Amino acid sequence: LYDPDSGDYLGTSGGSVQAKGVASCDFIGMAFYRREFLDILTAEDFSVVPIWSRARERGLQVKVMLVEDLYWKDTGTLDAYAKVHFDIIDGTVDLRLPSWLNLDSVHKRVVPVSLSREAAQAVGEYVWCEENRIPAGCRLYNSIIIRSANLQAGMTIENAIVGPWGSVAFPGV
């Protein structure tokens, strides 16, 4: 709960805060802290609620910033990480790509500008490919290929995130 005029955090809905003139919102897990907050942390802290309560008791400001129409995704799973990339490909989120990458909305993929036309034939739909060299016979589908990925001739990659360190499969988005 917060004061919509000042942005001051007032507590949680289960607390003793009066509802009149109070707004509520969801906490998405992003916060910025001043150095003074480190002094009030304890080994038992897991939730921000007791930390924010102690901060307010000590006279520290705890503010709420309401941001509307923001694209926000938890990327804590491989599927969720891939989904963010695929949302960019679908145009769900408008993100300015680096100049060396090109969003090909017709073929539903992101590929390097320098990728040859022949190599582009290996890239299927829902592929985010940062690698500009794709070996002969390699096929990519529904995957994320990170720069300097170890791609081999003739391999088929589907539902995977591939980087220079190896690859991990995800069930598919």
N, C-alpha and C. Protein backbone atom coordinates (compact mmCIF):
# COMPACT_ATOMS: atom_id res chain seq x y z
N LEU A 1 0.85 -1.18 0.00
CA LEU A 1 0.00 0.00 0.00
C LEU A 1 0.89 1.23 0.00
N TYR A 2 0.42 2.29 -0.66
CA TYR A 2 1.22 3.51 -0.73
C TYR A 2 0.31 4.73 -0.86
N ASP A 3 0.90 5.87 -0.56
CA ASP A 3 0.20 7.15 -0.72
C ASP A 3 0.39 7.58 -2.17
N PRO A 4 -0.68 7.67 -2.96
CA PRO A 4 -0.53 7.99 -4.38
C PRO A 4 -0.01 9.41 -4.63
N ASP A 5 -0.16 10.31 -3.68
CA ASP A 5 0.34 11.67 -3.86
C ASP A 5 1.84 11.77 -3.63
N SER A 6 2.33 11.13 -2.58
CA SER A 6 3.76 11.25 -2.23
C SER A 6 4.59 10.07 -2.70
N GLY A 7 3.94 8.93 -2.95
CA GLY A 7 4.67 7.71 -3.29
C GLY A 7 5.21 6.98 -2.09
N ASP A 8 4.88 7.44 -0.87
CA ASP A 8 5.38 6.80 0.34
C ASP A 8 4.77 5.42 0.53
N TYR A 9 5.64 4.45 0.80
CA TYR A 9 5.20 3.10 1.14
C TYR A 9 4.56 3.16 2.53
N LEU A 10 3.38 2.53 2.67
CA LEU A 10 2.65 2.61 3.93
C LEU A 10 2.53 1.26 4.64
N GLY A 11 2.74 0.19 3.96
CA GLY A 11 2.60 -1.13 4.57
C GLY A 11 1.93 -2.09 3.61
N THR A 12 1.51 -3.22 4.15
CA THR A 12 0.85 -4.22 3.32
C THR A 12 -0.65 -4.24 3.62
N SER A 13 -1.39 -4.88 2.77
CA SER A 13 -2.85 -4.89 2.95
C SER A 13 -3.28 -5.59 4.23
N GLY A 14 -2.44 -6.43 4.79
CA GLY A 14 -2.78 -7.11 6.03
C GLY A 14 -2.42 -6.30 7.27
N GLY A 15 -1.83 -5.12 7.09
CA GLY A 15 -1.40 -4.31 8.22
C GLY A 15 -2.49 -3.41 8.74
N SER A 16 -2.08 -2.38 9.48
CA SER A 16 -3.05 -1.49 10.14
C SER A 16 -3.29 -0.20 9.38
N VAL A 17 -2.90 -0.13 8.12
CA VAL A 17 -3.05 1.09 7.34
C VAL A 17 -4.52 1.27 6.96
N GLN A 18 -5.02 2.49 7.11
CA GLN A 18 -6.40 2.81 6.73
C GLN A 18 -6.50 2.86 5.21
N ALA A 19 -7.60 2.39 4.65
CA ALA A 19 -7.76 2.28 3.21
C ALA A 19 -8.08 3.61 2.53
N LYS A 20 -8.60 4.61 3.25
CA LYS A 20 -8.99 5.86 2.64
C LYS A 20 -7.76 6.63 2.13
N GLY A 21 -7.78 6.99 0.84
CA GLY A 21 -6.67 7.74 0.25
C GLY A 21 -5.41 6.93 0.03
N VAL A 22 -5.52 5.62 0.13
CA VAL A 22 -4.39 4.73 -0.03
C VAL A 22 -4.57 3.92 -1.31
N ALA A 23 -3.48 3.74 -2.04
CA ALA A 23 -3.53 2.94 -3.26
C ALA A 23 -2.72 1.66 -3.04
N SER A 24 -2.97 0.69 -3.87
CA SER A 24 -2.21 -0.56 -3.76
C SER A 24 -1.63 -0.92 -5.12
N CYS A 25 -0.57 -1.67 -5.08
CA CYS A 25 0.05 -2.17 -6.30
C CYS A 25 0.83 -3.43 -5.97
N ASP A 26 1.26 -4.13 -6.99
CA ASP A 26 2.06 -5.34 -6.80
C ASP A 26 3.54 -4.98 -6.84
N PHE A 27 4.30 -5.60 -5.98
CA PHE A 27 5.76 -5.43 -5.99
C PHE A 27 6.33 -6.49 -6.92
N ILE A 28 7.07 -6.08 -7.94
CA ILE A 28 7.59 -7.02 -8.92
C ILE A 28 9.01 -7.48 -8.64
N GLY A 29 9.57 -7.02 -7.54
CA GLY A 29 10.89 -7.52 -7.18
C GLY A 29 12.04 -6.64 -7.57
N MET A 30 11.79 -5.44 -8.01
CA MET A 30 12.87 -4.53 -8.37
C MET A 30 12.88 -3.38 -7.38
N ALA A 31 14.04 -3.13 -6.81
CA ALA A 31 14.15 -2.05 -5.83
C ALA A 31 15.54 -1.44 -5.90
N PHE A 32 15.63 -0.19 -5.56
CA PHE A 32 16.90 0.51 -5.46
C PHE A 32 17.07 0.93 -4.01
N TYR A 33 18.24 0.66 -3.45
CA TYR A 33 18.47 0.94 -2.04
C TYR A 33 19.67 1.86 -1.85
N ARG A 34 19.55 2.70 -0.84
CA ARG A 34 20.69 3.51 -0.43
C ARG A 34 21.55 2.69 0.52
N ARG A 35 22.76 3.09 0.67
CA ARG A 35 23.72 2.38 1.52
C ARG A 35 23.20 2.19 2.95
N GLU A 36 22.42 3.15 3.46
CA GLU A 36 21.90 3.06 4.83
C GLU A 36 21.05 1.81 5.07
N PHE A 37 20.45 1.28 4.01
CA PHE A 37 19.61 0.10 4.15
C PHE A 37 20.42 -1.13 4.56
N LEU A 38 21.69 -1.16 4.23
CA LEU A 38 22.51 -2.32 4.59
C LEU A 38 22.60 -2.49 6.10
N ASP A 39 22.55 -1.38 6.83
CA ASP A 39 22.65 -1.43 8.30
C ASP A 39 21.43 -2.07 8.96
N ILE A 40 20.30 -2.13 8.27
CA ILE A 40 19.10 -2.68 8.91
C ILE A 40 18.80 -4.11 8.47
N LEU A 41 19.63 -4.68 7.59
CA LEU A 41 19.42 -6.06 7.16
C LEU A 41 19.87 -7.03 8.24
N THR A 42 19.13 -8.13 8.36
CA THR A 42 19.51 -9.19 9.28
C THR A 42 19.63 -10.50 8.51
N ALA A 43 20.27 -11.48 9.10
CA ALA A 43 20.44 -12.78 8.46
C ALA A 43 19.09 -13.48 8.22
N GLU A 44 18.08 -13.13 8.99
CA GLU A 44 16.76 -13.76 8.87
C GLU A 44 15.89 -13.14 7.78
N ASP A 45 16.30 -12.00 7.24
CA ASP A 45 15.47 -11.31 6.24
C ASP A 45 15.36 -12.11 4.96
N PHE A 46 14.13 -12.29 4.54
CA PHE A 46 13.86 -12.90 3.25
C PHE A 46 12.93 -11.99 2.46
N SER A 47 11.88 -11.55 3.09
CA SER A 47 10.90 -10.65 2.48
C SER A 47 11.36 -9.20 2.67
N VAL A 48 10.94 -8.34 1.76
CA VAL A 48 11.26 -6.91 1.90
C VAL A 48 10.38 -6.24 2.95
N VAL A 49 9.25 -6.85 3.29
CA VAL A 49 8.29 -6.21 4.19
C VAL A 49 8.92 -5.83 5.54
N PRO A 50 9.58 -6.74 6.27
CA PRO A 50 10.17 -6.32 7.55
C PRO A 50 11.30 -5.31 7.37
N ILE A 51 12.01 -5.41 6.28
CA ILE A 51 13.10 -4.46 6.02
C ILE A 51 12.52 -3.06 5.81
N TRP A 52 11.48 -2.96 5.00
CA TRP A 52 10.87 -1.67 4.74
C TRP A 52 10.22 -1.11 6.01
N SER A 53 9.64 -1.98 6.81
CA SER A 53 9.05 -1.52 8.08
C SER A 53 10.12 -0.96 9.00
N ARG A 54 11.24 -1.66 9.15
CA ARG A 54 12.34 -1.16 9.98
C ARG A 54 12.90 0.14 9.43
N ALA A 55 12.99 0.24 8.13
CA ALA A 55 13.50 1.47 7.51
C ALA A 55 12.60 2.65 7.86
N ARG A 56 11.30 2.46 7.73
CA ARG A 56 10.36 3.53 8.06
C ARG A 56 10.45 3.90 9.54
N GLU A 57 10.60 2.90 10.42
CA GLU A 57 10.73 3.16 11.85
C GLU A 57 11.98 3.99 12.16
N ARG A 58 13.02 3.82 11.34
CA ARG A 58 14.27 4.57 11.54
C ARG A 58 14.28 5.90 10.78
N GLY A 59 13.16 6.24 10.16
CA GLY A 59 13.07 7.52 9.47
C GLY A 59 13.59 7.53 8.05
N LEU A 60 13.90 6.37 7.52
CA LEU A 60 14.35 6.29 6.13
C LEU A 60 13.13 6.30 5.21
N GLN A 61 13.29 6.90 4.06
CA GLN A 61 12.18 6.94 3.10
C GLN A 61 12.10 5.63 2.33
N VAL A 62 10.89 5.15 2.17
CA VAL A 62 10.61 4.01 1.31
C VAL A 62 9.53 4.50 0.35
N LYS A 63 9.88 4.59 -0.91
CA LYS A 63 8.97 5.12 -1.92
C LYS A 63 8.52 4.01 -2.87
N VAL A 64 7.35 4.20 -3.42
CA VAL A 64 6.79 3.31 -4.43
C VAL A 64 6.74 4.08 -5.73
N MET A 65 7.18 3.45 -6.79
CA MET A 65 7.09 4.06 -8.11
C MET A 65 6.20 3.16 -8.96
N LEU A 66 5.10 3.68 -9.37
CA LEU A 66 4.16 2.93 -10.18
C LEU A 66 4.49 3.17 -11.66
N VAL A 67 4.79 2.11 -12.37
CA VAL A 67 5.10 2.20 -13.80
C VAL A 67 4.05 1.38 -14.53
N GLU A 68 3.30 2.04 -15.38
CA GLU A 68 2.24 1.35 -16.11
C GLU A 68 2.69 1.05 -17.53
N ASP A 69 2.04 0.08 -18.15
CA ASP A 69 2.31 -0.32 -19.53
C ASP A 69 3.77 -0.67 -19.74
N LEU A 70 4.33 -1.39 -18.81
CA LEU A 70 5.72 -1.81 -18.89
C LEU A 70 5.77 -3.29 -19.19
N TYR A 71 6.63 -3.68 -20.09
CA TYR A 71 6.83 -5.09 -20.37
C TYR A 71 7.77 -5.64 -19.29
N TRP A 72 7.28 -6.60 -18.55
CA TRP A 72 8.07 -7.18 -17.47
C TRP A 72 7.88 -8.68 -17.48
N LYS A 73 8.97 -9.41 -17.49
CA LYS A 73 8.90 -10.87 -17.48
C LYS A 73 9.92 -11.42 -16.51
N ASP A 74 9.51 -12.41 -15.75
CA ASP A 74 10.43 -13.17 -14.92
C ASP A 74 11.17 -14.12 -15.85
N THR A 75 12.49 -14.07 -15.86
CA THR A 75 13.27 -14.94 -16.74
C THR A 75 13.98 -16.03 -15.94
N GLY A 76 13.34 -16.49 -14.88
CA GLY A 76 13.94 -17.47 -14.00
C GLY A 76 13.93 -18.90 -14.50
N THR A 77 13.29 -19.17 -15.62
CA THR A 77 13.32 -20.51 -16.21
C THR A 77 13.81 -20.38 -17.65
N LEU A 78 14.27 -21.48 -18.21
CA LEU A 78 14.75 -21.45 -19.60
C LEU A 78 13.62 -21.08 -20.56
N ASP A 79 12.41 -21.63 -20.32
CA ASP A 79 11.26 -21.28 -21.16
C ASP A 79 10.97 -19.78 -21.11
N ALA A 80 11.02 -19.21 -19.91
CA ALA A 80 10.73 -17.79 -19.75
C ALA A 80 11.79 -16.93 -20.43
N TYR A 81 13.05 -17.34 -20.31
CA TYR A 81 14.15 -16.62 -20.98
C TYR A 81 13.94 -16.64 -22.49
N ALA A 82 13.60 -17.82 -23.03
CA ALA A 82 13.35 -17.92 -24.47
C ALA A 82 12.14 -17.10 -24.87
N LYS A 83 11.10 -17.11 -24.06
CA LYS A 83 9.87 -16.39 -24.37
C LYS A 83 10.10 -14.90 -24.56
N VAL A 84 11.00 -14.32 -23.77
CA VAL A 84 11.31 -12.90 -23.93
C VAL A 84 11.88 -12.65 -25.33
N HIS A 85 12.79 -13.49 -25.76
CA HIS A 85 13.35 -13.35 -27.11
C HIS A 85 12.27 -13.49 -28.18
N PHE A 86 11.39 -14.48 -27.98
CA PHE A 86 10.34 -14.73 -28.96
C PHE A 86 9.28 -13.62 -28.95
N ASP A 87 9.05 -13.00 -27.80
CA ASP A 87 8.15 -11.85 -27.74
C ASP A 87 8.70 -10.68 -28.56
N ILE A 88 10.00 -10.51 -28.57
CA ILE A 88 10.62 -9.47 -29.40
C ILE A 88 10.41 -9.82 -30.87
N ILE A 89 10.62 -11.08 -31.22
CA ILE A 89 10.41 -11.53 -32.60
C ILE A 89 8.96 -11.30 -33.02
N ASP A 90 8.01 -11.59 -32.14
CA ASP A 90 6.58 -11.41 -32.45
C ASP A 90 6.14 -9.95 -32.44
N GLY A 91 6.96 -9.07 -31.91
CA GLY A 91 6.59 -7.66 -31.83
C GLY A 91 5.77 -7.33 -30.59
N THR A 92 5.66 -8.28 -29.65
CA THR A 92 4.95 -8.03 -28.40
C THR A 92 5.62 -6.91 -27.62
N VAL A 93 6.92 -6.87 -27.72
CA VAL A 93 7.70 -5.82 -27.07
C VAL A 93 8.59 -5.19 -28.14
N ASP A 94 8.67 -3.88 -28.12
CA ASP A 94 9.47 -3.14 -29.08
C ASP A 94 10.82 -2.84 -28.45
N LEU A 95 11.84 -3.51 -28.93
CA LEU A 95 13.18 -3.34 -28.40
C LEU A 95 14.11 -2.97 -29.53
N ARG A 96 14.88 -1.93 -29.33
CA ARG A 96 15.85 -1.55 -30.35
C ARG A 96 17.03 -2.51 -30.28
N LEU A 97 17.25 -3.23 -31.36
CA LEU A 97 18.33 -4.20 -31.41
C LEU A 97 19.65 -3.51 -31.73
N PRO A 98 20.77 -4.12 -31.37
CA PRO A 98 22.06 -3.57 -31.79
C PRO A 98 22.13 -3.54 -33.31
N SER A 99 22.92 -2.64 -33.85
CA SER A 99 22.97 -2.45 -35.30
C SER A 99 23.43 -3.69 -36.06
N TRP A 100 24.08 -4.61 -35.40
CA TRP A 100 24.59 -5.82 -36.08
C TRP A 100 23.55 -6.95 -36.14
N LEU A 101 22.38 -6.73 -35.51
CA LEU A 101 21.31 -7.72 -35.56
C LEU A 101 20.12 -7.18 -36.35
N ASN A 102 19.41 -8.08 -37.03
CA ASN A 102 18.25 -7.70 -37.82
C ASN A 102 17.05 -8.55 -37.42
N LEU A 103 15.93 -7.90 -37.14
CA LEU A 103 14.68 -8.59 -36.87
C LEU A 103 13.98 -8.84 -38.21
N ASP A 104 13.83 -10.10 -38.54
CA ASP A 104 13.15 -10.51 -39.76
C ASP A 104 11.76 -10.99 -39.34
N SER A 105 10.79 -10.06 -39.33
CA SER A 105 9.45 -10.40 -38.85
C SER A 105 8.70 -11.32 -39.81
N VAL A 106 9.08 -11.34 -41.08
CA VAL A 106 8.44 -12.24 -42.04
C VAL A 106 8.77 -13.69 -41.73
N HIS A 107 10.05 -13.96 -41.44
CA HIS A 107 10.50 -15.32 -41.15
C HIS A 107 10.57 -15.61 -39.64
N LYS A 108 10.12 -14.65 -38.82
CA LYS A 108 10.06 -14.82 -37.36
C LYS A 108 11.42 -15.21 -36.77
N ARG A 109 12.42 -14.33 -36.99
CA ARG A 109 13.76 -14.63 -36.49
C ARG A 109 14.57 -13.35 -36.34
N VAL A 110 15.62 -13.44 -35.54
CA VAL A 110 16.61 -12.38 -35.42
C VAL A 110 17.93 -13.00 -35.84
N VAL A 111 18.59 -12.36 -36.80
CA VAL A 111 19.87 -12.87 -37.31
C VAL A 111 20.84 -11.71 -37.50
N PRO A 112 22.14 -12.02 -37.54
CA PRO A 112 23.12 -10.96 -37.79
C PRO A 112 22.93 -10.37 -39.19
N VAL A 113 23.14 -9.09 -39.30
CA VAL A 113 23.06 -8.41 -40.60
C VAL A 113 24.05 -9.04 -41.57
N SER A 114 25.20 -9.49 -41.06
CA SER A 114 26.26 -10.05 -41.90
C SER A 114 26.02 -11.50 -42.30
N LEU A 115 24.94 -12.13 -41.84
CA LEU A 115 24.68 -13.53 -42.17
C LEU A 115 24.39 -13.66 -43.66
N SER A 116 25.08 -14.58 -44.31
CA SER A 116 24.89 -14.76 -45.75
C SER A 116 23.50 -15.31 -46.04
N ARG A 117 23.03 -15.08 -47.24
CA ARG A 117 21.71 -15.57 -47.66
C ARG A 117 21.65 -17.09 -47.56
N GLU A 118 22.75 -17.77 -47.92
CA GLU A 118 22.80 -19.23 -47.85
C GLU A 118 22.69 -19.70 -46.40
N ALA A 119 23.43 -19.06 -45.51
CA ALA A 119 23.40 -19.45 -44.10
C ALA A 119 22.02 -19.17 -43.50
N ALA A 120 21.37 -18.12 -43.95
CA ALA A 120 20.04 -17.76 -43.43
C ALA A 120 19.02 -18.85 -43.72
N GLN A 121 19.25 -19.65 -44.74
CA GLN A 121 18.34 -20.75 -45.07
C GLN A 121 18.29 -21.80 -43.95
N ALA A 122 19.32 -21.85 -43.13
CA ALA A 122 19.39 -22.81 -42.03
C ALA A 122 18.60 -22.36 -40.81
N VAL A 123 18.16 -21.11 -40.80
CA VAL A 123 17.52 -20.53 -39.63
C VAL A 123 16.00 -20.55 -39.80
N GLY A 124 15.34 -21.35 -38.98
CA GLY A 124 13.89 -21.47 -39.03
C GLY A 124 13.21 -20.41 -38.18
N GLU A 125 11.92 -20.60 -37.98
CA GLU A 125 11.12 -19.65 -37.19
C GLU A 125 11.51 -19.71 -35.72
N TYR A 126 11.29 -18.59 -35.07
CA TYR A 126 11.55 -18.42 -33.64
C TYR A 126 12.97 -18.82 -33.27
N VAL A 127 13.90 -18.23 -34.02
CA VAL A 127 15.32 -18.39 -33.72
C VAL A 127 15.90 -17.01 -33.50
N TRP A 128 16.58 -16.86 -32.39
CA TRP A 128 17.36 -15.66 -32.09
C TRP A 128 18.80 -16.10 -32.27
N CYS A 129 19.42 -15.69 -33.37
CA CYS A 129 20.76 -16.16 -33.70
C CYS A 129 21.74 -15.00 -33.73
N GLU A 130 22.73 -15.04 -32.85
CA GLU A 130 23.77 -14.02 -32.80
C GLU A 130 25.03 -14.47 -33.52
N GLU A 131 25.06 -15.70 -33.99
CA GLU A 131 26.24 -16.26 -34.65
C GLU A 131 26.17 -15.98 -36.14
N ASN A 132 27.24 -15.44 -36.72
CA ASN A 132 27.20 -15.10 -38.14
C ASN A 132 27.79 -16.18 -39.04
N ARG A 133 28.23 -17.29 -38.45
CA ARG A 133 28.72 -18.42 -39.24
C ARG A 133 27.94 -19.67 -38.83
N ILE A 134 27.18 -20.20 -39.77
CA ILE A 134 26.41 -21.41 -39.53
C ILE A 134 26.97 -22.49 -40.44
N PRO A 135 27.51 -23.57 -39.86
CA PRO A 135 28.14 -24.62 -40.66
C PRO A 135 27.15 -25.30 -41.62
N ALA A 136 27.68 -25.88 -42.67
CA ALA A 136 26.86 -26.55 -43.69
C ALA A 136 25.99 -27.63 -43.07
N GLY A 137 24.75 -27.68 -43.49
CA GLY A 137 23.83 -28.71 -43.04
C GLY A 137 23.24 -28.49 -41.66
N CYS A 138 23.63 -27.43 -41.00
CA CYS A 138 23.10 -27.12 -39.66
C CYS A 138 21.71 -26.52 -39.81
N ARG A 139 20.78 -26.89 -38.92
CA ARG A 139 19.41 -26.37 -38.96
C ARG A 139 19.03 -25.90 -37.56
N LEU A 140 18.41 -24.72 -37.49
CA LEU A 140 18.06 -24.10 -36.22
C LEU A 140 16.56 -23.83 -36.18
N TYR A 141 15.91 -24.27 -35.08
CA TYR A 141 14.48 -24.07 -34.91
C TYR A 141 14.19 -23.71 -33.46
N ASN A 142 13.34 -22.72 -33.25
CA ASN A 142 12.82 -22.40 -31.92
C ASN A 142 13.93 -22.39 -30.86
N SER A 143 14.99 -21.64 -31.13
CA SER A 143 16.17 -21.66 -30.25
C SER A 143 16.81 -20.29 -30.16
N ILE A 144 17.71 -20.18 -29.21
CA ILE A 144 18.52 -18.98 -29.03
C ILE A 144 19.97 -19.39 -29.20
N ILE A 145 20.65 -18.76 -30.14
CA ILE A 145 22.05 -19.06 -30.42
C ILE A 145 22.85 -17.82 -30.03
N ILE A 146 23.60 -17.95 -28.97
CA ILE A 146 24.37 -16.83 -28.43
C ILE A 146 25.68 -16.71 -29.20
N ARG A 147 26.16 -15.50 -29.32
CA ARG A 147 27.41 -15.22 -30.04
C ARG A 147 28.52 -16.18 -29.62
N SER A 148 29.29 -16.63 -30.59
CA SER A 148 30.41 -17.58 -30.41
C SER A 148 29.94 -18.97 -30.00
N ALA A 149 28.69 -19.31 -30.32
CA ALA A 149 28.17 -20.64 -30.02
C ALA A 149 28.95 -21.69 -30.78
N ASN A 150 29.04 -22.86 -30.20
CA ASN A 150 29.76 -23.97 -30.82
C ASN A 150 28.78 -24.77 -31.69
N LEU A 151 28.65 -24.36 -32.95
CA LEU A 151 27.76 -25.05 -33.88
C LEU A 151 28.58 -26.01 -34.73
N GLN A 152 28.05 -27.19 -35.00
CA GLN A 152 28.73 -28.21 -35.79
C GLN A 152 27.98 -28.46 -37.09
N ALA A 153 28.71 -28.82 -38.13
CA ALA A 153 28.10 -29.14 -39.42
C ALA A 153 27.09 -30.27 -39.25
N GLY A 154 25.95 -30.13 -39.89
CA GLY A 154 24.93 -31.17 -39.91
C GLY A 154 24.06 -31.29 -38.67
N MET A 155 24.30 -30.49 -37.65
CA MET A 155 23.49 -30.62 -36.43
C MET A 155 22.15 -29.91 -36.57
N THR A 156 21.14 -30.44 -35.93
CA THR A 156 19.84 -29.80 -35.85
C THR A 156 19.63 -29.37 -34.41
N ILE A 157 19.32 -28.11 -34.23
CA ILE A 157 19.10 -27.56 -32.89
C ILE A 157 17.65 -27.10 -32.82
N GLU A 158 16.94 -27.62 -31.83
CA GLU A 158 15.55 -27.26 -31.63
C GLU A 158 15.27 -27.15 -30.13
N ASN A 159 14.56 -26.08 -29.75
CA ASN A 159 14.22 -25.85 -28.34
C ASN A 159 15.45 -25.88 -27.44
N ALA A 160 16.45 -25.08 -27.81
CA ALA A 160 17.69 -25.05 -27.03
C ALA A 160 18.25 -23.65 -26.98
N ILE A 161 19.04 -23.42 -25.96
CA ILE A 161 19.84 -22.20 -25.85
C ILE A 161 21.28 -22.67 -25.98
N VAL A 162 21.98 -22.14 -26.99
CA VAL A 162 23.32 -22.60 -27.30
C VAL A 162 24.29 -21.44 -27.19
N GLY A 163 25.39 -21.67 -26.49
CA GLY A 163 26.42 -20.65 -26.35
C GLY A 163 27.79 -21.27 -26.47
N PRO A 164 28.83 -20.49 -26.25
CA PRO A 164 30.19 -21.03 -26.35
C PRO A 164 30.49 -22.09 -25.27
N TRP A 165 29.70 -22.13 -24.22
CA TRP A 165 29.86 -23.05 -23.10
C TRP A 165 29.12 -24.36 -23.31
N GLY A 166 28.28 -24.46 -24.34
CA GLY A 166 27.50 -25.66 -24.59
C GLY A 166 26.05 -25.31 -24.86
N SER A 167 25.17 -26.25 -24.61
CA SER A 167 23.74 -26.00 -24.87
C SER A 167 22.88 -26.58 -23.76
N VAL A 168 21.72 -25.99 -23.59
CA VAL A 168 20.71 -26.48 -22.67
C VAL A 168 19.38 -26.51 -23.42
N ALA A 169 18.66 -27.58 -23.21
CA ALA A 169 17.36 -27.74 -23.87
C ALA A 169 16.28 -27.15 -22.98
N PHE A 170 15.23 -26.66 -23.61
CA PHE A 170 14.04 -26.23 -22.87
C PHE A 170 12.84 -26.90 -23.54
N PRO A 171 11.77 -27.12 -22.79
CA PRO A 171 10.63 -27.86 -23.34
C PRO A 171 10.01 -27.23 -24.58
N GLY A 172 10.12 -25.94 -24.73
CA GLY A 172 9.53 -25.28 -25.89
C GLY A 172 8.47 -24.31 -25.46
N VAL A 173 8.48 -23.18 -26.12
CA VAL A 173 7.56 -22.10 -25.78
C VAL A 173 6.41 -22.12 -26.76
